[in-house]
């Protein structure tokens, strides 16, 4: 499953400096075919937590145990080796997969947000692999704020309304909660550089879980189907957030635990 030869030292440096890197032709056609089939299975048989935030926009997650193509991807695709190399980690732990589909004519934009604020985990060795199975134009691609993984922590946003999550009164005054702030209005920060790439099947974007990102709707006549997988390295630990966690599954972990201690939920792929 090795893809170490396709991830260069320059890619590693770019990931840590910019908070994201585009990798070309790292997933062979057979993996694209398998993930296409897996995504279609997800669309045909959505889980109870699948959502349609707006017409044409579908997402579902945490189905890797039930969709064989996704399970195969976790343990046998080049993904884990890519993560190991980019994160400079010894252990690679899988968190979950996220199917993201925007059908032609989808108007809904994905608001600027930071993934790590949604999750009950903190750490620097944490990333997502955003892998399309369709060609992705600049009009529908993922957009990332260059270097924003160094800006600190931000309150999560609701995808349907772009409203900021509110804290639960009993934990909102935790010291960690005080470290969060509102995501700035990116459109009014002229000094921001936006990273966006046109992609072909086999390409992917790997980004740090603290990188602020969003996406346009899909104004084209082509589908935009993406499998986004989340991964952890050595330094990630469980950390309860002062709002509802998404996804809300973390087993019996307590503060300071590495996610691999809940191995049935978060399997170690490389050790």
C-alpha atoms as a PDB file:
ATOM      1  CA  UNK A   1       0.000   0.000   0.000  1.00  0.00           C
ATOM      2  CA  UNK A   2       3.060   2.228   0.034  1.00  0.00           C
ATOM      3  CA  UNK A   3       2.923   5.725  -1.432  1.00  0.00           C
ATOM      4  CA  UNK A   4       6.040   6.959   0.314  1.00  0.00           C
ATOM      5  CA  UNK A   5       7.813   7.361  -3.029  1.00  0.00           C
ATOM      6  CA  UNK A   6       5.103   9.735  -4.222  1.00  0.00           C
ATOM      7  CA  UNK A   7       5.346  12.064  -1.188  1.00  0.00           C
ATOM      8  CA  UNK A   8       8.481  14.160  -1.457  1.00  0.00           C
ATOM      9  CA  UNK A   9      10.329  16.096   1.260  1.00  0.00           C
ATOM     10  CA  UNK A  10       9.027  19.231  -0.486  1.00  0.00           C
ATOM     11  CA  UNK A  11       5.456  17.965  -0.017  1.00  0.00           C
ATOM     12  CA  UNK A  12       6.084  17.433   3.690  1.00  0.00           C
ATOM     13  CA  UNK A  13       7.528  20.918   4.067  1.00  0.00           C
ATOM     14  CA  UNK A  14       4.589  22.440   2.173  1.00  0.00           C
ATOM     15  CA  UNK A  15       2.064  20.611   4.351  1.00  0.00           C
ATOM     16  CA  UNK A  16       3.570  21.961   7.566  1.00  0.00           C
ATOM     17  CA  UNK A  17       4.169  25.460   6.222  1.00  0.00           C
ATOM     18  CA  UNK A  18       0.895  26.024   4.348  1.00  0.00           C
ATOM     19  CA  UNK A  19      -1.428  23.652   6.221  1.00  0.00           C
ATOM     20  CA  UNK A  20      -2.283  21.787   3.006  1.00  0.00           C
ATOM     21  CA  UNK A  21      -0.679  20.096   0.030  1.00  0.00           C
ATOM     22  CA  UNK A  22      -2.007  18.792  -3.277  1.00  0.00           C
ATOM     23  CA  UNK A  23      -0.709  15.349  -4.270  1.00  0.00           C
ATOM     24  CA  UNK A  24      -1.077  14.232  -7.885  1.00  0.00           C
ATOM     25  CA  UNK A  25      -1.838  10.679  -9.082  1.00  0.00           C
ATOM     26  CA  UNK A  26      -1.273   8.995  -5.719  1.00  0.00           C
ATOM     27  CA  UNK A  27      -4.375   6.763  -5.917  1.00  0.00           C
ATOM     28  CA  UNK A  28      -4.432   4.305  -8.855  1.00  0.00           C
ATOM     29  CA  UNK A  29      -7.593   3.840 -10.953  1.00  0.00           C
ATOM     30  CA  UNK A  30      -8.635   0.658  -9.127  1.00  0.00           C
ATOM     31  CA  UNK A  31      -8.915   2.602  -5.870  1.00  0.00           C
ATOM     32  CA  UNK A  32     -10.964   5.309  -7.562  1.00  0.00           C
ATOM     33  CA  UNK A  33     -13.325   2.649  -8.927  1.00  0.00           C
ATOM     34  CA  UNK A  34     -13.693   1.063  -5.493  1.00  0.00           C
ATOM     35  CA  UNK A  35     -14.354   4.384  -3.757  1.00  0.00           C
ATOM     36  CA  UNK A  36     -16.877   5.359  -6.444  1.00  0.00           C
ATOM     37  CA  UNK A  37     -18.768   2.149  -5.718  1.00  0.00           C
ATOM     38  CA  UNK A  38     -18.540   2.807  -1.976  1.00  0.00           C
ATOM     39  CA  UNK A  39     -19.887   6.344  -2.334  1.00  0.00           C
ATOM     40  CA  UNK A  40     -22.788   5.102  -4.457  1.00  0.00           C
ATOM     41  CA  UNK A  41     -23.572   2.512  -1.775  1.00  0.00           C
ATOM     42  CA  UNK A  42     -23.638   5.300   0.786  1.00  0.00           C
ATOM     43  CA  UNK A  43     -26.042   7.311  -1.362  1.00  0.00           C
ATOM     44  CA  UNK A  44     -28.342   4.343  -1.928  1.00  0.00           C
ATOM     45  CA  UNK A  45     -28.256   3.163   1.692  1.00  0.00           C
ATOM     46  CA  UNK A  46     -27.610   6.209   3.892  1.00  0.00           C
ATOM     47  CA  UNK A  47     -26.991   5.713   7.592  1.00  0.00           C
ATOM     48  CA  UNK A  48     -29.299   7.176  10.271  1.00  0.00           C
ATOM     49  CA  UNK A  49     -26.919  10.133  10.676  1.00  0.00           C
ATOM     50  CA  UNK A  50     -26.707  11.044   6.973  1.00  0.00           C
ATOM     51  CA  UNK A  51     -27.746  14.610   6.173  1.00  0.00           C
ATOM     52  CA  UNK A  52     -28.964  16.712   3.259  1.00  0.00           C
ATOM     53  CA  UNK A  53     -28.236  20.256   4.523  1.00  0.00           C
ATOM     54  CA  UNK A  54     -29.611  21.693   1.278  1.00  0.00           C
ATOM     55  CA  UNK A  55     -30.936  20.396  -2.059  1.00  0.00           C
ATOM     56  CA  UNK A  56     -28.239  18.446  -3.870  1.00  0.00           C
ATOM     57  CA  UNK A  57     -25.792  18.387  -0.935  1.00  0.00           C
ATOM     58  CA  UNK A  58     -25.426  14.998   0.790  1.00  0.00           C
ATOM     59  CA  UNK A  59     -23.041  13.818   3.445  1.00  0.00           C
ATOM     60  CA  UNK A  60     -22.715  10.696   5.546  1.00  0.00           C
ATOM     61  CA  UNK A  61     -19.971   9.327   7.751  1.00  0.00           C
ATOM     62  CA  UNK A  62     -18.665   6.529   9.987  1.00  0.00           C
ATOM     63  CA  UNK A  63     -19.730   3.734   7.639  1.00  0.00           C
ATOM     64  CA  UNK A  64     -16.320   2.200   7.018  1.00  0.00           C
ATOM     65  CA  UNK A  65     -17.234  -0.990   8.896  1.00  0.00           C
ATOM     66  CA  UNK A  66     -20.370  -1.476   6.809  1.00  0.00           C
ATOM     67  CA  UNK A  67     -19.102  -0.554   3.338  1.00  0.00           C
ATOM     68  CA  UNK A  68     -16.393  -3.040   2.290  1.00  0.00           C
ATOM     69  CA  UNK A  69     -14.745  -0.655  -0.180  1.00  0.00           C
ATOM     70  CA  UNK A  70     -14.173   1.911   2.564  1.00  0.00           C
ATOM     71  CA  UNK A  71     -12.767  -0.664   4.975  1.00  0.00           C
ATOM     72  CA  UNK A  72     -10.419  -1.861   2.247  1.00  0.00           C
ATOM     73  CA  UNK A  73      -9.314   1.735   1.652  1.00  0.00           C
ATOM     74  CA  UNK A  74      -8.485   2.285   5.326  1.00  0.00           C
ATOM     75  CA  UNK A  75      -6.229  -0.749   5.644  1.00  0.00           C
ATOM     76  CA  UNK A  76      -4.835  -1.356   2.163  1.00  0.00           C
ATOM     77  CA  UNK A  77      -4.792   1.858   0.102  1.00  0.00           C
ATOM     78  CA  UNK A  78      -1.832   4.267  -0.085  1.00  0.00           C
ATOM     79  CA  UNK A  79      -3.639   6.618   2.365  1.00  0.00           C
ATOM     80  CA  UNK A  80      -2.021   5.496   5.629  1.00  0.00           C
ATOM     81  CA  UNK A  81       1.501   5.695   4.187  1.00  0.00           C
ATOM     82  CA  UNK A  82       0.761   9.184   2.873  1.00  0.00           C
ATOM     83  CA  UNK A  83      -0.371  10.199   6.363  1.00  0.00           C
ATOM     84  CA  UNK A  84       2.660   8.640   8.045  1.00  0.00           C
ATOM     85  CA  UNK A  85       5.050  10.521   5.788  1.00  0.00           C
ATOM     86  CA  UNK A  86       3.309  13.908   5.911  1.00  0.00           C
ATOM     87  CA  UNK A  87       2.608  13.899   9.655  1.00  0.00           C
ATOM     88  CA  UNK A  88       6.077  12.552  10.490  1.00  0.00           C
ATOM     89  CA  UNK A  89       4.454  10.113  12.865  1.00  0.00           C
ATOM     90  CA  UNK A  90       5.281   6.589  14.032  1.00  0.00           C
ATOM     91  CA  UNK A  91       1.682   5.466  14.606  1.00  0.00           C
ATOM     92  CA  UNK A  92      -1.161   6.114  12.139  1.00  0.00           C
ATOM     93  CA  UNK A  93      -4.672   5.829  13.582  1.00  0.00           C
ATOM     94  CA  UNK A  94      -7.813   6.040  11.469  1.00  0.00           C
ATOM     95  CA  UNK A  95     -10.566   8.334  12.762  1.00  0.00           C
ATOM     96  CA  UNK A  96     -13.477   8.171  10.285  1.00  0.00           C
ATOM     97  CA  UNK A  97     -14.537   8.604   6.674  1.00  0.00           C
ATOM     98  CA  UNK A  98     -16.839  11.320   5.344  1.00  0.00           C
ATOM     99  CA  UNK A  99     -18.751  11.082   2.056  1.00  0.00           C
ATOM    100  CA  UNK A 100     -19.387  14.547   0.573  1.00  0.00           C
ATOM    101  CA  UNK A 101     -21.537  14.833  -2.554  1.00  0.00           C
ATOM    102  CA  UNK A 102     -22.622  17.997  -4.339  1.00  0.00           C
ATOM    103  CA  UNK A 103     -24.822  17.186  -7.294  1.00  0.00           C
ATOM    104  CA  UNK A 104     -24.949  19.489 -10.370  1.00  0.00           C
ATOM    105  CA  UNK A 105     -26.779  22.697  -9.572  1.00  0.00           C
ATOM    106  CA  UNK A 106     -26.165  22.541  -5.806  1.00  0.00           C
ATOM    107  CA  UNK A 107     -26.249  26.132  -4.581  1.00  0.00           C
ATOM    108  CA  UNK A 108     -25.110  25.489  -1.015  1.00  0.00           C
ATOM    109  CA  UNK A 109     -21.599  26.637  -0.164  1.00  0.00           C
ATOM    110  CA  UNK A 110     -19.673  24.991   2.637  1.00  0.00           C
ATOM    111  CA  UNK A 111     -18.885  27.749   5.169  1.00  0.00           C
ATOM    112  CA  UNK A 112     -15.366  28.513   6.301  1.00  0.00           C
ATOM    113  CA  UNK A 113     -14.627  26.209   9.231  1.00  0.00           C
ATOM    114  CA  UNK A 114     -11.909  24.345  11.113  1.00  0.00           C
ATOM    115  CA  UNK A 115     -12.354  20.580  11.483  1.00  0.00           C
ATOM    116  CA  UNK A 116     -10.533  20.065  14.759  1.00  0.00           C
ATOM    117  CA  UNK A 117     -12.945  22.258  16.709  1.00  0.00           C
ATOM    118  CA  UNK A 118     -15.779  19.790  16.006  1.00  0.00           C
ATOM    119  CA  UNK A 119     -13.873  16.759  17.256  1.00  0.00           C
ATOM    120  CA  UNK A 120     -13.188  15.626  20.845  1.00  0.00           C
ATOM    121  CA  UNK A 121      -9.476  15.413  20.056  1.00  0.00           C
ATOM    122  CA  UNK A 122      -6.559  17.819  19.970  1.00  0.00           C
ATOM    123  CA  UNK A 123      -3.075  17.593  18.534  1.00  0.00           C
ATOM    124  CA  UNK A 124      -0.846  18.763  15.724  1.00  0.00           C
ATOM    125  CA  UNK A 125      -0.383  15.408  13.966  1.00  0.00           C
ATOM    126  CA  UNK A 126      -3.897  15.269  12.542  1.00  0.00           C
ATOM    127  CA  UNK A 127      -5.045  15.572   8.936  1.00  0.00           C
ATOM    128  CA  UNK A 128      -7.722  14.846   6.363  1.00  0.00           C
ATOM    129  CA  UNK A 129      -7.327  13.377   2.876  1.00  0.00           C
ATOM    130  CA  UNK A 130      -9.868  14.964   0.495  1.00  0.00           C
ATOM    131  CA  UNK A 131     -10.067  12.586  -2.456  1.00  0.00           C
ATOM    132  CA  UNK A 132     -12.495  13.178  -5.344  1.00  0.00           C
ATOM    133  CA  UNK A 133     -13.668  10.391  -7.638  1.00  0.00           C
ATOM    134  CA  UNK A 134     -14.802  12.908 -10.272  1.00  0.00           C
ATOM    135  CA  UNK A 135     -12.836  15.673 -12.007  1.00  0.00           C
ATOM    136  CA  UNK A 136     -13.070  18.794  -9.841  1.00  0.00           C
ATOM    137  CA  UNK A 137     -12.923  22.255 -11.395  1.00  0.00           C
ATOM    138  CA  UNK A 138     -11.861  25.468  -9.681  1.00  0.00           C
ATOM    139  CA  UNK A 139     -15.590  26.311  -9.422  1.00  0.00           C
ATOM    140  CA  UNK A 140     -16.312  23.341  -7.142  1.00  0.00           C
ATOM    141  CA  UNK A 141     -13.014  22.590  -5.442  1.00  0.00           C
ATOM    142  CA  UNK A 142     -11.991  22.724  -1.803  1.00  0.00           C
ATOM    143  CA  UNK A 143     -10.710  26.147  -0.692  1.00  0.00           C
ATOM    144  CA  UNK A 144      -8.171  26.474   2.114  1.00  0.00           C
ATOM    145  CA  UNK A 145      -6.698  29.487   3.881  1.00  0.00           C
ATOM    146  CA  UNK A 146      -2.951  29.200   3.556  1.00  0.00           C
ATOM    147  CA  UNK A 147      -1.164  29.016   6.912  1.00  0.00           C
ATOM    148  CA  UNK A 148      -4.361  29.204   8.975  1.00  0.00           C
ATOM    149  CA  UNK A 149      -3.445  26.051  10.907  1.00  0.00           C
ATOM    150  CA  UNK A 150      -1.099  28.360  12.833  1.00  0.00           C
ATOM    151  CA  UNK A 151      -3.855  30.828  13.826  1.00  0.00           C
ATOM    152  CA  UNK A 152      -5.186  28.964  16.855  1.00  0.00           C
ATOM    153  CA  UNK A 153      -8.599  27.437  17.533  1.00  0.00           C
ATOM    154  CA  UNK A 154     -11.993  28.612  16.271  1.00  0.00           C
ATOM    155  CA  UNK A 155     -15.598  27.940  17.202  1.00  0.00           C
ATOM    156  CA  UNK A 156     -17.254  25.368  14.922  1.00  0.00           C
ATOM    157  CA  UNK A 157     -19.977  26.372  12.457  1.00  0.00           C
ATOM    158  CA  UNK A 158     -23.241  24.681  11.510  1.00  0.00           C
ATOM    159  CA  UNK A 159     -23.134  23.706   7.841  1.00  0.00           C
ATOM    160  CA  UNK A 160     -26.817  24.369   7.181  1.00  0.00           C
ATOM    161  CA  UNK A 161     -26.873  27.909   8.616  1.00  0.00           C
ATOM    162  CA  UNK A 162     -23.204  28.892   9.124  1.00  0.00           C
ATOM    163  CA  UNK A 163     -24.190  29.777  12.702  1.00  0.00           C
ATOM    164  CA  UNK A 164     -21.561  29.372  15.409  1.00  0.00           C
ATOM    165  CA  UNK A 165     -21.987  26.506  17.860  1.00  0.00           C
ATOM    166  CA  UNK A 166     -22.924  27.598  21.361  1.00  0.00           C
ATOM    167  CA  UNK A 167     -21.237  26.172  24.425  1.00  0.00           C
ATOM    168  CA  UNK A 168     -22.924  24.024  27.012  1.00  0.00           C
ATOM    169  CA  UNK A 169     -23.261  25.992  30.211  1.00  0.00           C
ATOM    170  CA  UNK A 170     -21.750  23.300  32.445  1.00  0.00           C
ATOM    171  CA  UNK A 171     -18.463  23.076  30.527  1.00  0.00           C
ATOM    172  CA  UNK A 172     -18.274  26.316  28.558  1.00  0.00           C
ATOM    173  CA  UNK A 173     -15.971  27.927  31.105  1.00  0.00           C
ATOM    174  CA  UNK A 174     -13.373  25.189  30.778  1.00  0.00           C
ATOM    175  CA  UNK A 175      -9.944  26.700  30.245  1.00  0.00           C
ATOM    176  CA  UNK A 176      -9.845  25.123  26.782  1.00  0.00           C
ATOM    177  CA  UNK A 177     -13.071  26.859  25.748  1.00  0.00           C
ATOM    178  CA  UNK A 178     -11.509  30.208  26.460  1.00  0.00           C
ATOM    179  CA  UNK A 179      -8.883  29.518  23.788  1.00  0.00           C
ATOM    180  CA  UNK A 180     -11.477  29.584  20.988  1.00  0.00           C
ATOM    181  CA  UNK A 181     -12.475  32.589  18.916  1.00  0.00           C
ATOM    182  CA  UNK A 182     -14.743  33.447  16.002  1.00  0.00           C
ATOM    183  CA  UNK A 183     -13.493  32.611  12.521  1.00  0.00           C
ATOM    184  CA  UNK A 184     -12.641  35.921  10.855  1.00  0.00           C
ATOM    185  CA  UNK A 185     -14.457  37.087   7.735  1.00  0.00           C
ATOM    186  CA  UNK A 186     -12.033  35.658   5.201  1.00  0.00           C
ATOM    187  CA  UNK A 187     -13.416  37.840   2.404  1.00  0.00           C
ATOM    188  CA  UNK A 188     -12.344  40.915   4.353  1.00  0.00           C
ATOM    189  CA  UNK A 189      -8.800  39.734   4.975  1.00  0.00           C
ATOM    190  CA  UNK A 190      -7.049  40.795   1.771  1.00  0.00           C
ATOM    191  CA  UNK A 191      -3.733  39.454   3.001  1.00  0.00           C
ATOM    192  CA  UNK A 192      -5.132  35.893   3.055  1.00  0.00           C
ATOM    193  CA  UNK A 193      -3.929  33.545   0.353  1.00  0.00           C
ATOM    194  CA  UNK A 194      -6.532  30.978  -0.709  1.00  0.00           C
ATOM    195  CA  UNK A 195      -5.282  27.577  -1.836  1.00  0.00           C
ATOM    196  CA  UNK A 196      -7.451  25.862  -4.436  1.00  0.00           C
ATOM    197  CA  UNK A 197      -6.622  23.225  -7.006  1.00  0.00           C
ATOM    198  CA  UNK A 198      -8.281  21.704 -10.028  1.00  0.00           C
ATOM    199  CA  UNK A 199      -8.197  17.946  -9.480  1.00  0.00           C
ATOM    200  CA  UNK A 200      -8.489  14.715 -11.419  1.00  0.00           C
ATOM    201  CA  UNK A 201      -9.392  11.291 -10.018  1.00  0.00           C
ATOM    202  CA  UNK A 202      -6.249   9.937  -8.371  1.00  0.00           C
ATOM    203  CA  UNK A 203      -5.290  13.353  -6.977  1.00  0.00           C
ATOM    204  CA  UNK A 204      -6.004  14.441  -3.428  1.00  0.00           C
ATOM    205  CA  UNK A 205      -5.614  17.338  -1.039  1.00  0.00           C
ATOM    206  CA  UNK A 206      -4.189  16.598   2.402  1.00  0.00           C
ATOM    207  CA  UNK A 207      -4.808  19.306   4.965  1.00  0.00           C
ATOM    208  CA  UNK A 208      -4.125  19.894   8.644  1.00  0.00           C
ATOM    209  CA  UNK A 209      -7.182  19.600  10.871  1.00  0.00           C
ATOM    210  CA  UNK A 210      -6.666  23.178  12.058  1.00  0.00           C
ATOM    211  CA  UNK A 211      -6.616  24.635   8.541  1.00  0.00           C
ATOM    212  CA  UNK A 212      -9.625  26.859   7.827  1.00  0.00           C
ATOM    213  CA  UNK A 213     -11.400  25.687   4.696  1.00  0.00           C
ATOM    214  CA  UNK A 214     -14.685  25.781   2.817  1.00  0.00           C
ATOM    215  CA  UNK A 215     -16.078  25.087  -0.641  1.00  0.00           C
ATOM    216  CA  UNK A 216     -18.291  26.563  -3.309  1.00  0.00           C
ATOM    217  CA  UNK A 217     -21.578  24.999  -4.359  1.00  0.00           C
ATOM    218  CA  UNK A 218     -21.652  23.090  -7.623  1.00  0.00           C
ATOM    219  CA  UNK A 219     -22.785  25.305 -10.473  1.00  0.00           C
ATOM    220  CA  UNK A 220     -21.434  22.892 -13.088  1.00  0.00           C
ATOM    221  CA  UNK A 221     -23.189  20.062 -14.926  1.00  0.00           C
ATOM    222  CA  UNK A 222     -20.875  17.457 -13.388  1.00  0.00           C
ATOM    223  CA  UNK A 223     -21.178  15.580 -10.097  1.00  0.00           C
ATOM    224  CA  UNK A 224     -18.694  16.290  -7.313  1.00  0.00           C
ATOM    225  CA  UNK A 225     -18.280  13.151  -5.207  1.00  0.00           C
ATOM    226  CA  UNK A 226     -15.573  13.097  -2.560  1.00  0.00           C
ATOM    227  CA  UNK A 227     -14.340  10.672   0.061  1.00  0.00           C
ATOM    228  CA  UNK A 228     -12.664  12.571   2.879  1.00  0.00           C
ATOM    229  CA  UNK A 229     -10.834  10.457   5.440  1.00  0.00           C
ATOM    230  CA  UNK A 230      -9.571  11.657   8.839  1.00  0.00           C
ATOM    231  CA  UNK A 231      -6.327  10.447  10.398  1.00  0.00           C
ATOM    232  CA  UNK A 232      -4.359  10.874  13.640  1.00  0.00           C
ATOM    233  CA  UNK A 233      -0.669  10.627  14.502  1.00  0.00           C
ATOM    234  CA  UNK A 234       1.320  10.206  17.702  1.00  0.00           C
ATOM    235  CA  UNK A 235       0.483  13.402  19.591  1.00  0.00           C
ATOM    236  CA  UNK A 236      -3.332  13.408  19.343  1.00  0.00           C
ATOM    237  CA  UNK A 237      -5.266  13.007  22.603  1.00  0.00           C
ATOM    238  CA  UNK A 238      -8.892  12.976  23.709  1.00  0.00           C
ATOM    239  CA  UNK A 239     -10.133  16.407  24.803  1.00  0.00           C
ATOM    240  CA  UNK A 240     -13.781  17.120  25.566  1.00  0.00           C
ATOM    241  CA  UNK A 241     -15.136  20.244  23.881  1.00  0.00           C
ATOM    242  CA  UNK A 242     -17.757  22.588  25.397  1.00  0.00           C
ATOM    243  CA  UNK A 243     -20.344  21.773  22.711  1.00  0.00           C
ATOM    244  CA  UNK A 244     -21.857  18.737  21.056  1.00  0.00           C
ATOM    245  CA  UNK A 245     -19.144  16.665  19.455  1.00  0.00           C
ATOM    246  CA  UNK A 246     -19.427  15.765  15.806  1.00  0.00           C
ATOM    247  CA  UNK A 247     -19.166  12.868  15.328  1.00  0.00           C
ATOM    248  CA  UNK A 248     -20.423  12.052  18.844  1.00  0.00           C
ATOM    249  CA  UNK A 249     -18.567   8.742  19.238  1.00  0.00           C
ATOM    250  CA  UNK A 250     -15.421   8.323  21.341  1.00  0.00           C
ATOM    251  CA  UNK A 251     -15.912   5.130  23.390  1.00  0.00           C
ATOM    252  CA  UNK A 252     -14.633   5.223  26.962  1.00  0.00           C
ATOM    253  CA  UNK A 253     -11.739   7.580  26.332  1.00  0.00           C
ATOM    254  CA  UNK A 254     -10.846  10.100  29.006  1.00  0.00           C
ATOM    255  CA  UNK A 255      -8.851  13.310  28.763  1.00  0.00           C
ATOM    256  CA  UNK A 256      -5.281  12.666  27.662  1.00  0.00           C
ATOM    257  CA  UNK A 257      -5.935   9.245  26.087  1.00  0.00           C
ATOM    258  CA  UNK A 258      -4.645   8.519  22.611  1.00  0.00           C
ATOM    259  CA  UNK A 259      -7.576   7.551  20.314  1.00  0.00           C
ATOM    260  CA  UNK A 260      -6.006   4.155  19.607  1.00  0.00           C
ATOM    261  CA  UNK A 261      -7.017   3.083  23.133  1.00  0.00           C
ATOM    262  CA  UNK A 262     -10.529   2.812  21.656  1.00  0.00           C
ATOM    263  CA  UNK A 263      -9.209   0.516  18.945  1.00  0.00           C
ATOM    264  CA  UNK A 264     -12.601  -0.858  17.907  1.00  0.00           C
ATOM    265  CA  UNK A 265     -13.621   2.676  16.936  1.00  0.00           C
ATOM    266  CA  UNK A 266     -10.252   4.073  15.878  1.00  0.00           C
ATOM    267  CA  UNK A 267      -8.001   1.311  14.510  1.00  0.00           C
ATOM    268  CA  UNK A 268      -4.242   1.584  14.313  1.00  0.00           C
ATOM    269  CA  UNK A 269      -3.298   1.103  10.660  1.00  0.00           C
ATOM    270  CA  UNK A 270       0.478   1.576  11.004  1.00  0.00           C
ATOM    271  CA  UNK A 271       2.407   1.049  14.241  1.00  0.00           C
END
